Amino acid sequence: MIYPCKPHKNPEHNMSISRRDFLKKTTLSAGAFTLLSGMKVHGMEAIHPKGWKGRQRVSEIASICEMCFWRCGILGNVDKHGKLLKIDGNPEHPLTEGRLCARGNAGHKLAYDPDRLKYPLMRVGKRGEGKFKRVSWDEALDFFAKKLLEIREKHGAEAVGFFPHGIQARFFEHLMKGFGTPNIVEPAFAQCRGPRDVGYKLTFGNNVGSPEPLDFENTKMMVFIGTHIGENVFTGQNLQFANALERGAKLIVVDPRFSIAAQKADYWLPLKPGTDTALL
């Protein structure tokens, strides 16, 4: 059964805003929190002027957030000693327009996490004992290169497997390809966007990539199947989704759950879990 999600008018209540308009203007769950980081509050510019952190003069350095693969544009606030004090969204970024999720705003804490590895460590005890010593980068790289060459000479390059994850691992992937191993597999591929990418490639000849090219803001109708937009931290998606709803785009959501997106839909189809393919 398809449930139309139309505003309910109760004559006993004289509301100046409809349920539909209210839901469009509410936050998009955790994802909608991303919109708040780019908001300007009247009067706050005088209290926290641009280029200052409290009473400290800071430099704003443009970069890309690495807290997830969406890679939002950021501005790092760095003091005169080179310490990263905070991260703001970059209003010049074409996808996110200055918005950041809570994870992105907290990204500077990753740089100073007490458990972060700041230099190479080499195991000196038996495997599992947890005994390591600090070594230089030259020592670590020489040891690594020596072991790789020994393995290739004795067993062939295919005896080495590389299991990357995240954007940073892509740089190391070039080395592994140059080394000659074909065994490069991303562990999270099958659990994350792998099925989607394979499906797109088989259907359209190419995968959709990430971040996906979106055009929500210019569409007249959105149909969501197997997606959780509004509940994720993909800032650009949530921004375009909110703008499309504000402009009056229609929304159909196919989801067993009454999700955040379903709450804002014109029609909601709560199909049985696992029957998406049968519906299509």
Protein backbone atom coordinates (compact mmCIF):
# COMPACT_ATOMS: atom_id res chain seq x y z
CA MET A 1 0.00 0.00 0.00
CA ILE A 2 1.23 3.50 -0.85
CA TYR A 3 0.62 6.11 1.81
CA PRO A 4 0.15 9.70 0.66
CA CYS A 5 1.86 12.04 3.09
CA LYS A 6 -0.29 15.11 2.69
CA PRO A 7 -0.82 17.85 5.27
CA HIS A 8 -3.66 17.05 7.67
CA LYS A 9 -5.94 19.98 8.34
CA ASN A 10 -7.66 19.85 11.71
CA PRO A 11 -10.42 22.48 12.09
CA GLU A 12 -9.81 22.46 15.84
CA HIS A 13 -6.33 23.85 15.38
CA ASN A 14 -5.64 27.10 13.60
CA MET A 15 -2.06 26.50 12.48
CA SER A 16 -0.25 29.04 10.34
CA ILE A 17 2.09 26.38 8.98
CA SER A 18 1.17 23.04 7.41
CA ARG A 19 2.64 19.72 8.42
CA ARG A 20 4.33 19.49 5.04
CA ASP A 21 5.96 22.91 5.40
CA PHE A 22 6.95 22.17 8.99
CA LEU A 23 8.69 18.95 8.02
CA LYS A 24 10.50 20.62 5.15
CA LYS A 25 11.89 23.23 7.48
CA THR A 26 12.94 20.89 10.27
CA THR A 27 16.48 19.58 10.45
CA LEU A 28 17.32 16.54 8.36
CA SER A 29 18.24 14.38 11.37
CA ALA A 30 22.01 14.06 11.89
CA GLY A 31 22.66 15.00 8.29
CA ALA A 32 20.78 18.26 8.58
CA PHE A 33 23.06 19.36 11.40
CA THR A 34 25.57 19.93 8.61
CA LEU A 35 23.59 22.94 7.46
CA LEU A 36 24.03 24.74 10.75
CA SER A 37 27.80 25.08 10.53
CA GLY A 38 27.46 27.43 7.56
CA MET A 39 24.81 29.70 9.06
CA LYS A 40 25.57 33.28 9.96
CA VAL A 41 23.97 34.57 13.15
CA HIS A 42 23.28 38.31 13.29
CA GLY A 43 25.76 40.03 15.58
CA MET A 44 28.15 37.07 15.87
CA GLU A 45 30.58 38.55 13.33
CA ALA A 46 31.51 41.26 15.84
CA ILE A 47 32.06 38.74 18.65
CA HIS A 48 33.98 36.24 16.50
CA PRO A 49 35.43 38.25 13.60
CA LYS A 50 36.91 36.44 10.63
CA GLY A 51 40.57 35.59 11.15
CA TRP A 52 40.36 35.44 14.94
CA LYS A 53 39.91 32.63 17.46
CA GLY A 54 39.06 34.31 20.72
CA ARG A 55 41.86 36.86 21.13
CA GLN A 56 44.29 34.95 18.92
CA ARG A 57 45.03 35.92 15.34
CA VAL A 58 44.70 32.89 13.08
CA SER A 59 45.35 32.06 9.45
CA GLU A 60 42.69 30.29 7.40
CA ILE A 61 44.14 27.52 5.25
CA ALA A 62 41.89 25.92 2.65
CA SER A 63 41.88 22.14 2.46
CA ILE A 64 39.63 19.09 2.13
CA CYS A 65 38.04 17.20 5.03
CA GLU A 66 39.23 13.59 5.27
CA MET A 67 36.79 12.42 7.95
CA CYS A 68 34.80 10.57 5.26
CA PHE A 69 34.91 10.12 1.50
CA TRP A 70 32.57 13.05 0.80
CA ARG A 71 35.56 15.38 1.12
CA CYS A 72 33.90 18.67 1.99
CA GLY A 73 35.77 21.95 1.59
CA ILE A 74 37.22 23.25 4.85
CA LEU A 75 39.17 26.17 6.26
CA GLY A 76 41.69 25.27 8.96
CA ASN A 77 42.21 27.98 11.60
CA VAL A 78 45.93 27.88 12.41
CA ASP A 79 47.64 30.05 15.02
CA LYS A 80 51.08 31.68 14.74
CA HIS A 81 52.72 28.55 16.16
CA GLY A 82 51.25 26.35 13.44
CA LYS A 83 48.67 24.67 15.67
CA LEU A 84 45.29 23.81 14.17
CA LEU A 85 42.69 25.35 16.48
CA LYS A 86 39.42 24.62 14.68
CA ILE A 87 37.90 23.73 11.34
CA ASP A 88 35.22 25.71 9.51
CA GLY A 89 33.39 25.01 6.28
CA ASN A 90 34.73 26.72 3.17
CA PRO A 91 31.97 28.92 1.68
CA GLU A 92 33.75 28.84 -1.69
CA HIS A 93 33.48 25.05 -2.03
CA PRO A 94 31.07 24.24 -4.91
CA LEU A 95 29.49 21.16 -3.31
CA THR A 96 29.08 22.08 0.35
CA GLU A 97 29.03 25.90 0.28
CA GLY A 98 30.53 26.26 3.75
CA ARG A 99 28.53 23.53 5.50
CA LEU A 100 30.13 20.79 7.59
CA CYS A 101 28.75 17.89 9.60
CA ALA A 102 29.60 17.37 13.28
CA ARG A 103 32.32 14.90 12.32
CA GLY A 104 33.97 17.46 10.06
CA ASN A 105 33.79 20.20 12.67
CA ALA A 106 35.56 17.89 15.12
CA GLY A 107 38.25 16.93 12.61
CA HIS A 108 40.95 19.01 14.27
CA LYS A 109 40.74 16.73 17.31
CA LEU A 110 41.99 13.85 15.16
CA ALA A 111 45.27 15.67 14.61
CA TYR A 112 45.91 15.85 18.35
CA ASP A 113 44.40 12.54 19.43
CA PRO A 114 46.66 11.07 22.15
CA ASP A 115 46.42 7.64 20.49
CA ARG A 116 47.48 8.88 17.07
CA LEU A 117 50.67 7.33 15.67
CA LYS A 118 53.12 10.16 15.07
CA TYR A 119 56.14 8.15 13.92
CA PRO A 120 56.96 4.61 12.68
CA LEU A 121 57.06 1.77 15.19
CA MET A 122 58.82 -1.55 14.57
CA ARG A 123 57.90 -4.75 16.42
CA VAL A 124 60.75 -6.02 18.62
CA GLY A 125 58.99 -8.81 20.49
CA LYS A 126 56.96 -11.77 19.36
CA ARG A 127 53.80 -11.21 17.39
CA GLY A 128 51.01 -10.38 19.81
CA GLU A 129 53.25 -9.21 22.64
CA GLY A 130 52.70 -5.56 21.79
CA LYS A 131 56.37 -4.63 22.04
CA PHE A 132 57.54 -1.94 19.62
CA LYS A 133 60.36 0.54 19.29
CA ARG A 134 60.44 3.89 17.58
CA VAL A 135 62.43 4.03 14.32
CA SER A 136 63.13 6.69 11.73
CA TRP A 137 61.24 6.93 8.46
CA ASP A 138 64.36 5.84 6.57
CA GLU A 139 64.67 2.70 8.72
CA ALA A 140 61.00 1.87 8.31
CA LEU A 141 60.93 2.38 4.54
CA ASP A 142 64.18 0.47 3.99
CA PHE A 143 62.91 -2.47 6.05
CA PHE A 144 59.59 -2.45 4.19
CA ALA A 145 61.24 -2.30 0.75
CA LYS A 146 63.67 -5.09 1.64
CA LYS A 147 60.86 -7.41 2.77
CA LEU A 148 58.78 -6.67 -0.32
CA LEU A 149 61.66 -7.48 -2.66
CA GLU A 150 62.43 -10.70 -0.78
CA ILE A 151 58.81 -11.84 -1.07
CA ARG A 152 58.66 -11.06 -4.78
CA GLU A 153 61.92 -12.90 -5.45
CA LYS A 154 60.87 -16.04 -3.54
CA HIS A 155 57.11 -16.20 -4.19
CA GLY A 156 56.22 -13.65 -6.86
CA ALA A 157 54.53 -10.27 -6.59
CA GLU A 158 51.10 -11.89 -6.38
CA ALA A 159 52.04 -13.23 -2.93
CA VAL A 160 51.44 -9.72 -1.57
CA GLY A 161 47.92 -8.46 -0.90
CA PHE A 162 46.93 -4.84 -0.37
CA PHE A 163 43.72 -3.96 1.50
CA PRO A 164 43.17 -0.19 1.25
CA HIS A 165 40.45 1.98 2.72
CA GLY A 166 39.87 5.68 2.32
CA ILE A 167 41.23 8.33 0.02
CA GLN A 168 44.69 8.34 1.61
CA ALA A 169 45.25 4.69 0.71
CA ARG A 170 44.92 5.50 -3.00
CA PHE A 171 48.41 7.00 -3.03
CA PHE A 172 49.92 3.79 -1.72
CA GLU A 173 47.89 1.79 -4.22
CA HIS A 174 50.05 3.19 -7.05
CA LEU A 175 53.12 1.69 -5.38
CA MET A 176 51.46 -1.72 -5.09
CA LYS A 177 50.45 -1.67 -8.75
CA GLY A 178 54.00 -0.73 -9.69
CA PHE A 179 55.26 -3.58 -7.50
CA GLY A 180 53.20 -5.95 -9.63
CA THR A 181 50.55 -7.40 -7.31
CA PRO A 182 47.03 -7.83 -8.72
CA ASN A 183 45.63 -8.52 -5.24
CA ILE A 184 44.20 -5.14 -4.31
CA VAL A 185 40.86 -5.40 -2.54
CA GLU A 186 39.00 -2.84 -0.43
CA PRO A 187 37.52 -4.73 2.55
CA ALA A 188 34.54 -2.37 2.93
CA PHE A 189 33.64 -2.44 -0.79
CA ALA A 190 31.03 -5.20 -0.53
CA GLN A 191 29.57 -3.70 2.64
CA CYS A 192 29.36 -0.10 1.43
CA ARG A 193 29.01 1.25 -2.10
CA GLY A 194 30.32 -1.78 -3.98
CA PRO A 195 26.96 -3.27 -5.03
CA ARG A 196 25.79 0.14 -6.18
CA ASP A 197 28.93 0.78 -8.27
CA VAL A 198 28.78 -2.67 -9.87
CA GLY A 199 25.07 -2.23 -10.62
CA TYR A 200 25.63 1.15 -12.25
CA LYS A 201 28.51 -0.17 -14.34
CA LEU A 202 26.52 -3.17 -15.59
CA THR A 203 23.47 -1.02 -16.32
CA PHE A 204 24.90 2.25 -17.59
CA GLY A 205 28.49 1.30 -18.50
CA ASN A 206 30.17 3.24 -15.70
CA ASN A 207 29.89 3.50 -11.93
CA VAL A 208 28.37 6.59 -10.36
CA GLY A 209 31.52 7.54 -8.44
CA SER A 210 31.75 9.35 -5.15
CA PRO A 211 30.73 12.03 -4.44
CA GLU A 212 27.88 11.33 -6.82
CA PRO A 213 26.94 13.94 -9.43
CA LEU A 214 23.59 15.28 -8.22
CA ASP A 215 20.99 17.62 -9.65
CA PHE A 216 18.35 17.63 -6.93
CA GLU A 217 17.93 21.37 -7.06
CA ASN A 218 16.70 21.32 -10.66
CA THR A 219 14.55 18.19 -10.57
CA LYS A 220 10.76 18.10 -10.35
CA MET A 221 10.48 14.60 -8.90
CA MET A 222 12.75 12.57 -6.61
CA VAL A 223 12.33 8.81 -6.07
CA PHE A 224 14.36 7.31 -3.23
CA ILE A 225 14.90 3.54 -3.16
CA GLY A 226 17.53 2.05 -0.87
CA THR A 227 18.87 5.39 0.28
CA HIS A 228 19.10 7.16 3.62
CA ILE A 229 19.56 10.74 2.51
CA GLY A 230 18.74 13.00 5.42
CA GLU A 231 20.21 10.54 7.91
CA ASN A 232 23.77 10.57 6.62
CA VAL A 233 26.59 13.09 6.87
CA PHE A 234 26.95 13.80 3.16
CA THR A 235 26.66 17.55 3.41
CA GLY A 236 26.25 18.31 -0.29
CA GLN A 237 23.44 15.77 -0.67
CA ASN A 238 21.53 17.09 2.33
CA LEU A 239 21.92 20.67 1.17
CA GLN A 240 20.58 19.91 -2.31
CA PHE A 241 17.81 17.71 -0.87
CA ALA A 242 16.63 20.50 1.44
CA ASN A 243 16.77 23.08 -1.35
CA ALA A 244 14.76 20.84 -3.68
CA LEU A 245 12.02 20.34 -1.09
CA GLU A 246 11.93 24.05 -0.36
CA ARG A 247 11.49 24.73 -4.07
CA GLY A 248 8.51 22.35 -4.21
CA ALA A 249 9.96 19.22 -5.80
CA LYS A 250 7.82 16.09 -5.33
CA LEU A 251 9.24 13.17 -3.36
CA ILE A 252 8.46 9.45 -3.44
CA VAL A 253 10.21 7.25 -0.86
CA VAL A 254 10.37 3.45 -0.98
CA ASP A 255 11.55 2.27 2.43
CA PRO A 256 10.32 -0.23 5.04
CA ARG A 257 11.05 2.44 7.66
CA PHE A 258 9.27 5.73 8.13
CA SER A 259 12.61 7.41 7.61
CA ILE A 260 13.54 11.09 7.73
CA ALA A 261 13.07 11.27 3.98
CA ALA A 262 9.75 9.39 4.19
CA GLN A 263 8.48 11.97 6.67
CA LYS A 264 8.97 14.61 3.99
CA ALA A 265 7.60 12.55 1.09
CA ASP A 266 4.47 13.11 -0.93
CA TYR A 267 4.12 9.32 -1.16
CA TRP A 268 5.68 6.62 0.99
CA LEU A 269 5.76 2.95 -0.03
CA PRO A 270 6.75 0.78 2.99
CA LEU A 271 7.65 -2.38 1.10
CA LYS A 272 8.67 -5.57 2.89
CA PRO A 273 12.42 -5.79 3.58
CA GLY A 274 14.27 -7.61 0.81
CA THR A 275 11.59 -7.09 -1.86
CA ASP A 276 13.18 -4.10 -3.61
CA THR A 277 14.21 -6.17 -6.62
CA ALA A 278 10.71 -7.63 -7.00
CA LEU A 279 9.27 -4.10 -6.97
CA LEU A 280 11.69 -2.95 -9.65
